[in-house]
Amino acid sequence: MKSFFFPMTQLSVNVNKIATLRNSRGGSIPNVIQISEIILNAGAYGLTIHPREDERHITKQDVFEIREFLVTYNEKLLKKGIPKKEFNIEGEPSARFLDLVLAAKPDQATLVPVKPGEITSDHGFDLNDKTVFQTLKSMIGRFHEAGIRVSLFMETDFEQYSLVKELEADRIELYTGPFASAYESSKEEGLSSFKEYEIAATEANKLGLGVNAGHDLDTNNLKLFAKLPYLKEVSIGHRLVSQSLVDGMEKTIKEYLKVLSQGNVT
């Protein structure tokens, strides 16, 4: 069987949980910027945030403080000839989120369907909904005018990917909750679920769409999932931060990068 070599999948770390811990007590401890710097210094490719309307973790102030931190951080990297770190902002397709992203100017905006009262994102878009489709079309156009790459949070129903292409989004982010759940049940169920993601990623690539992924990925299930063809980026928060409470943030980041580096060949 022919082997194909792809660049190492990039790791973007979601720092929402750092803000959640801070907000549970008030004040500025733990400091989101301080932890973000540790994350990037350890080798992560970028930072992800999901500023929800209720500000239960990342606040509007955080968005712009992280942006300013990254501007300064990247200036130092560029002087050394080192590629910049990326900023990814996730959120619902709303006027609030549109205005926030256009003001913050991240490298990537990941649009995610949000249900009122949800604890975390737990499903991808249904692009057959004409209202959703038209809302996304307008937002994606505005983001592209501002030079912002756009990713849509999707499930493995690749029949909808032609609609992603029609919307002119740049990437999809595969919702990996079902895979993580299957993998925890057994490696056999995990492998069966993974095959669905392989098909989805391959079909996305055929359409010229980049492939990101996220939700409940960790150093155990990534031993399999990192082998996903065409996988450009994973966004990981809850499980990575949880592991860092035991092992320390720097060690945890390096462990994730080690696992991801083993997925370069398919």
Protein backbone atom coordinates (compact mmCIF):
# COMPACT_ATOMS: atom_id res chain seq x y z
CA MET A 1 0.00 0.00 0.00
CA LYS A 2 1.36 3.40 -0.97
CA SER A 3 2.28 5.73 1.90
CA PHE A 4 1.49 9.43 1.84
CA PHE A 5 3.42 11.93 3.93
CA PHE A 6 1.68 14.97 5.39
CA PRO A 7 2.99 17.78 7.59
CA MET A 8 2.54 17.17 11.31
CA THR A 9 -0.95 17.99 12.54
CA GLN A 10 -0.91 21.32 14.37
CA LEU A 11 -2.03 21.62 17.99
CA SER A 12 -4.18 24.59 18.96
CA VAL A 13 -4.90 24.67 22.69
CA ASN A 14 -8.27 25.88 23.91
CA VAL A 15 -7.73 27.95 27.08
CA ASN A 16 -11.40 28.25 28.05
CA LYS A 17 -10.94 26.00 31.07
CA ILE A 18 -8.20 28.27 32.44
CA ALA A 19 -10.69 31.14 32.34
CA THR A 20 -13.37 28.93 33.92
CA LEU A 21 -11.13 28.25 36.91
CA ARG A 22 -10.28 31.93 37.24
CA ASN A 23 -13.92 32.99 37.04
CA SER A 24 -14.96 30.51 39.72
CA ARG A 25 -13.11 32.66 42.27
CA GLY A 26 -12.90 36.05 40.60
CA GLY A 27 -9.73 38.08 40.16
CA SER A 28 -6.99 37.10 37.73
CA ILE A 29 -5.66 33.76 39.03
CA PRO A 30 -4.91 31.59 37.14
CA ASN A 31 -3.78 34.16 34.61
CA VAL A 32 -4.91 33.25 31.10
CA ILE A 33 -2.06 35.12 29.43
CA GLN A 34 0.59 33.53 31.64
CA ILE A 35 -0.71 30.03 30.93
CA SER A 36 -1.06 30.84 27.22
CA GLU A 37 2.61 31.80 27.08
CA ILE A 38 3.62 28.52 28.75
CA ILE A 39 1.51 26.64 26.19
CA LEU A 40 3.11 28.37 23.22
CA ASN A 41 6.63 28.15 24.63
CA ALA A 42 6.13 24.38 24.98
CA GLY A 43 5.53 24.12 21.23
CA ALA A 44 1.78 24.47 20.60
CA TYR A 45 0.90 25.96 17.22
CA GLY A 46 -1.74 28.33 18.50
CA LEU A 47 -4.51 29.26 20.90
CA THR A 48 -8.24 28.65 20.63
CA ILE A 49 -10.98 30.40 22.58
CA HIS A 50 -14.77 30.14 22.54
CA PRO A 51 -16.16 33.38 24.00
CA ARG A 52 -19.78 32.60 24.81
CA GLU A 53 -22.40 35.29 25.25
CA ASP A 54 -22.74 34.60 29.00
CA GLU A 55 -18.95 34.98 29.47
CA ARG A 56 -18.85 31.96 31.77
CA HIS A 57 -15.23 31.41 30.81
CA ILE A 58 -13.57 33.58 28.15
CA THR A 59 -14.71 37.20 28.42
CA LYS A 60 -14.71 39.93 25.80
CA GLN A 61 -11.79 41.50 27.64
CA ASP A 62 -9.88 38.20 27.39
CA VAL A 63 -10.36 38.16 23.63
CA PHE A 64 -8.50 41.42 23.15
CA GLU A 65 -5.90 40.75 25.83
CA ILE A 66 -5.02 37.46 24.13
CA ARG A 67 -4.93 39.21 20.77
CA GLU A 68 -2.49 41.85 22.05
CA PHE A 69 -0.37 39.18 23.73
CA LEU A 70 -0.13 37.24 20.46
CA VAL A 71 0.82 40.35 18.48
CA THR A 72 3.78 40.96 20.81
CA TYR A 73 4.67 37.27 21.02
CA ASN A 74 4.64 36.86 17.25
CA GLU A 75 6.75 39.97 16.68
CA LYS A 76 9.50 38.35 18.74
CA LEU A 77 9.18 35.09 16.80
CA LEU A 78 9.32 36.78 13.42
CA LYS A 79 12.51 38.61 14.38
CA LYS A 80 14.05 35.17 14.98
CA GLY A 81 12.70 33.82 11.69
CA ILE A 82 10.23 31.54 13.50
CA PRO A 83 6.70 31.12 12.10
CA LYS A 84 3.96 32.95 13.97
CA LYS A 85 1.46 31.31 16.30
CA GLU A 86 -2.20 31.30 15.28
CA PHE A 87 -5.31 32.64 16.97
CA ASN A 88 -8.57 30.73 16.50
CA ILE A 89 -11.90 32.04 17.80
CA GLU A 90 -14.92 29.74 17.96
CA GLY A 91 -18.50 30.83 18.25
CA GLU A 92 -22.09 30.80 17.08
CA PRO A 93 -23.25 32.45 13.85
CA SER A 94 -24.65 35.63 15.39
CA ALA A 95 -24.29 39.39 15.02
CA ARG A 96 -22.51 39.47 18.39
CA PHE A 97 -19.90 36.96 17.29
CA LEU A 98 -19.48 38.57 13.88
CA ASP A 99 -18.68 41.94 15.42
CA LEU A 100 -16.31 40.40 17.96
CA VAL A 101 -14.32 38.46 15.37
CA LEU A 102 -14.08 41.39 12.96
CA ALA A 103 -12.72 43.52 15.81
CA ALA A 104 -10.27 40.88 17.08
CA LYS A 105 -9.05 39.77 13.61
CA PRO A 106 -7.94 36.20 14.44
CA ASP A 107 -6.24 33.94 11.89
CA GLN A 108 -9.23 31.60 11.90
CA ALA A 109 -12.89 31.80 12.87
CA THR A 110 -14.56 28.48 13.64
CA LEU A 111 -18.33 28.71 13.39
CA VAL A 112 -20.15 26.35 15.75
CA PRO A 113 -23.88 25.70 16.25
CA VAL A 114 -24.85 26.65 19.80
CA LYS A 115 -27.95 25.57 21.72
CA PRO A 116 -29.22 27.71 24.62
CA GLY A 117 -28.07 26.25 27.94
CA GLU A 118 -25.63 23.73 26.49
CA ILE A 119 -22.57 22.85 28.58
CA THR A 120 -20.35 22.37 25.55
CA SER A 121 -20.65 22.07 21.77
CA ASP A 122 -22.13 18.67 21.01
CA HIS A 123 -23.17 18.62 17.33
CA GLY A 124 -22.23 19.93 13.93
CA PHE A 125 -24.16 22.17 11.56
CA ASP A 126 -27.11 20.96 9.52
CA LEU A 127 -26.55 22.90 6.33
CA ASN A 128 -29.82 21.64 4.84
CA ASP A 129 -31.50 24.22 7.06
CA LYS A 130 -31.90 27.14 4.66
CA THR A 131 -31.91 29.75 7.43
CA VAL A 132 -28.63 28.41 8.82
CA PHE A 133 -27.14 28.25 5.33
CA GLN A 134 -27.99 31.87 4.51
CA THR A 135 -26.73 33.13 7.87
CA LEU A 136 -23.43 31.33 7.40
CA LYS A 137 -23.08 32.53 3.81
CA SER A 138 -23.29 36.15 4.89
CA MET A 139 -20.85 35.72 7.80
CA ILE A 140 -18.27 33.76 5.83
CA GLY A 141 -18.24 36.49 3.21
CA ARG A 142 -17.59 39.15 5.85
CA PHE A 143 -14.80 37.12 7.44
CA HIS A 144 -13.11 36.52 4.10
CA GLU A 145 -13.24 40.25 3.32
CA ALA A 146 -11.27 40.75 6.56
CA GLY A 147 -8.72 38.08 5.58
CA ILE A 148 -9.90 35.56 8.17
CA ARG A 149 -9.88 31.82 7.39
CA VAL A 150 -13.19 30.11 8.16
CA SER A 151 -13.87 26.61 9.48
CA LEU A 152 -17.32 25.05 10.05
CA PHE A 153 -18.00 22.57 12.86
CA MET A 154 -19.37 19.48 11.10
CA GLU A 155 -20.13 15.81 11.68
CA THR A 156 -19.10 12.92 9.44
CA ASP A 157 -22.13 13.30 7.14
CA PHE A 158 -19.94 14.08 4.12
CA GLU A 159 -22.96 14.50 1.85
CA GLN A 160 -23.25 17.99 3.35
CA TYR A 161 -19.65 18.91 2.53
CA SER A 162 -20.63 20.08 -0.94
CA LEU A 163 -22.71 22.72 0.85
CA VAL A 164 -19.64 23.70 2.90
CA LYS A 165 -17.85 24.20 -0.40
CA GLU A 166 -20.79 26.19 -1.77
CA LEU A 167 -20.55 28.45 1.26
CA GLU A 168 -16.86 28.94 0.40
CA ALA A 169 -15.66 27.97 3.87
CA ASP A 170 -11.98 27.01 3.94
CA ARG A 171 -12.11 24.08 6.32
CA ILE A 172 -14.35 21.84 8.34
CA GLU A 173 -13.72 20.96 11.98
CA LEU A 174 -14.85 17.41 12.58
CA TYR A 175 -16.80 16.99 15.82
CA THR A 176 -14.94 14.10 17.45
CA GLY A 177 -17.19 13.52 20.48
CA PRO A 178 -18.70 10.32 19.02
CA PHE A 179 -15.24 8.96 18.20
CA ALA A 180 -13.93 9.67 21.71
CA SER A 181 -16.96 8.00 23.27
CA ALA A 182 -16.57 4.93 21.03
CA TYR A 183 -12.85 4.70 21.80
CA GLU A 184 -13.54 4.76 25.53
CA SER A 185 -15.97 1.86 25.12
CA SER A 186 -13.35 -0.28 23.39
CA LYS A 187 -10.55 0.02 20.89
CA GLU A 188 -12.64 -2.03 18.45
CA GLU A 189 -15.53 0.46 18.62
CA GLY A 190 -13.02 3.28 18.37
CA LEU A 191 -11.54 1.80 15.20
CA SER A 192 -15.01 1.34 13.69
CA SER A 193 -15.86 4.98 14.42
CA PHE A 194 -12.48 6.14 13.11
CA LYS A 195 -13.24 4.60 9.72
CA GLU A 196 -16.21 6.96 9.38
CA TYR A 197 -13.90 9.89 10.03
CA GLU A 198 -11.39 8.58 7.49
CA ILE A 199 -14.10 8.58 4.82
CA ALA A 200 -15.30 12.03 5.86
CA ALA A 201 -11.79 13.52 5.78
CA THR A 202 -11.08 11.99 2.40
CA GLU A 203 -14.31 13.34 0.93
CA ALA A 204 -13.60 16.79 2.37
CA ASN A 205 -10.15 16.77 0.82
CA LYS A 206 -11.60 15.83 -2.58
CA LEU A 207 -13.60 19.06 -2.42
CA GLY A 208 -10.53 21.10 -1.52
CA LEU A 209 -11.57 21.59 2.11
CA GLY A 210 -9.02 21.58 4.90
CA VAL A 211 -9.70 19.26 7.83
CA ASN A 212 -9.54 20.27 11.49
CA ALA A 213 -10.90 18.25 14.43
CA GLY A 214 -11.82 18.68 18.05
CA HIS A 215 -13.76 17.55 21.11
CA ASP A 216 -12.63 15.09 23.79
CA LEU A 217 -9.38 14.20 22.05
CA ASP A 218 -6.54 13.16 24.35
CA THR A 219 -3.19 11.40 24.31
CA ASN A 220 -4.89 8.00 24.37
CA ASN A 221 -7.39 8.29 21.52
CA LEU A 222 -5.03 10.48 19.49
CA LYS A 223 -2.77 7.47 19.06
CA LEU A 224 -5.39 6.42 16.53
CA PHE A 225 -7.00 9.68 15.50
CA ALA A 226 -3.68 11.39 14.67
CA LYS A 227 -3.47 8.98 11.74
CA LEU A 228 -6.50 10.61 10.11
CA PRO A 229 -5.59 11.53 6.52
CA TYR A 230 -5.38 15.24 5.66
CA LEU A 231 -5.73 16.32 9.31
CA LYS A 232 -4.34 19.86 9.55
CA GLU A 233 -5.18 20.91 13.08
CA VAL A 234 -6.69 19.68 16.34
CA SER A 235 -8.19 22.03 18.90
CA ILE A 236 -8.02 20.56 22.39
CA GLY A 237 -8.96 22.10 25.72
CA HIS A 238 -10.76 20.23 28.49
CA ARG A 239 -8.80 16.99 28.50
CA LEU A 240 -5.45 18.65 27.89
CA VAL A 241 -5.94 21.12 30.73
CA SER A 242 -7.19 18.30 32.98
CA GLN A 243 -4.06 16.25 32.25
CA SER A 244 -1.88 19.28 32.95
CA LEU A 245 -3.21 19.41 36.52
CA VAL A 246 -1.45 16.10 37.08
CA ASP A 247 1.60 16.34 34.83
CA GLY A 248 2.15 20.09 34.46
CA MET A 249 1.35 22.15 31.37
CA GLU A 250 4.73 22.00 29.63
CA LYS A 251 5.03 18.23 29.95
CA THR A 252 1.43 17.78 28.79
CA ILE A 253 1.89 19.90 25.67
CA LYS A 254 5.02 17.99 24.73
CA GLU A 255 3.21 14.67 25.20
CA TYR A 256 0.39 15.77 22.87
CA LEU A 257 2.93 16.92 20.29
CA LYS A 258 4.73 13.58 20.53
CA VAL A 259 1.53 11.65 19.85
CA LEU A 260 0.56 13.94 16.97
CA SER A 261 3.99 13.53 15.38
CA GLN A 262 3.34 9.81 15.03
CA GLY A 263 0.36 10.41 12.76
CA ASN A 264 2.26 11.75 9.76
CA VAL A 265 2.04 8.60 7.69
CA THR A 266 -1.19 7.00 6.44
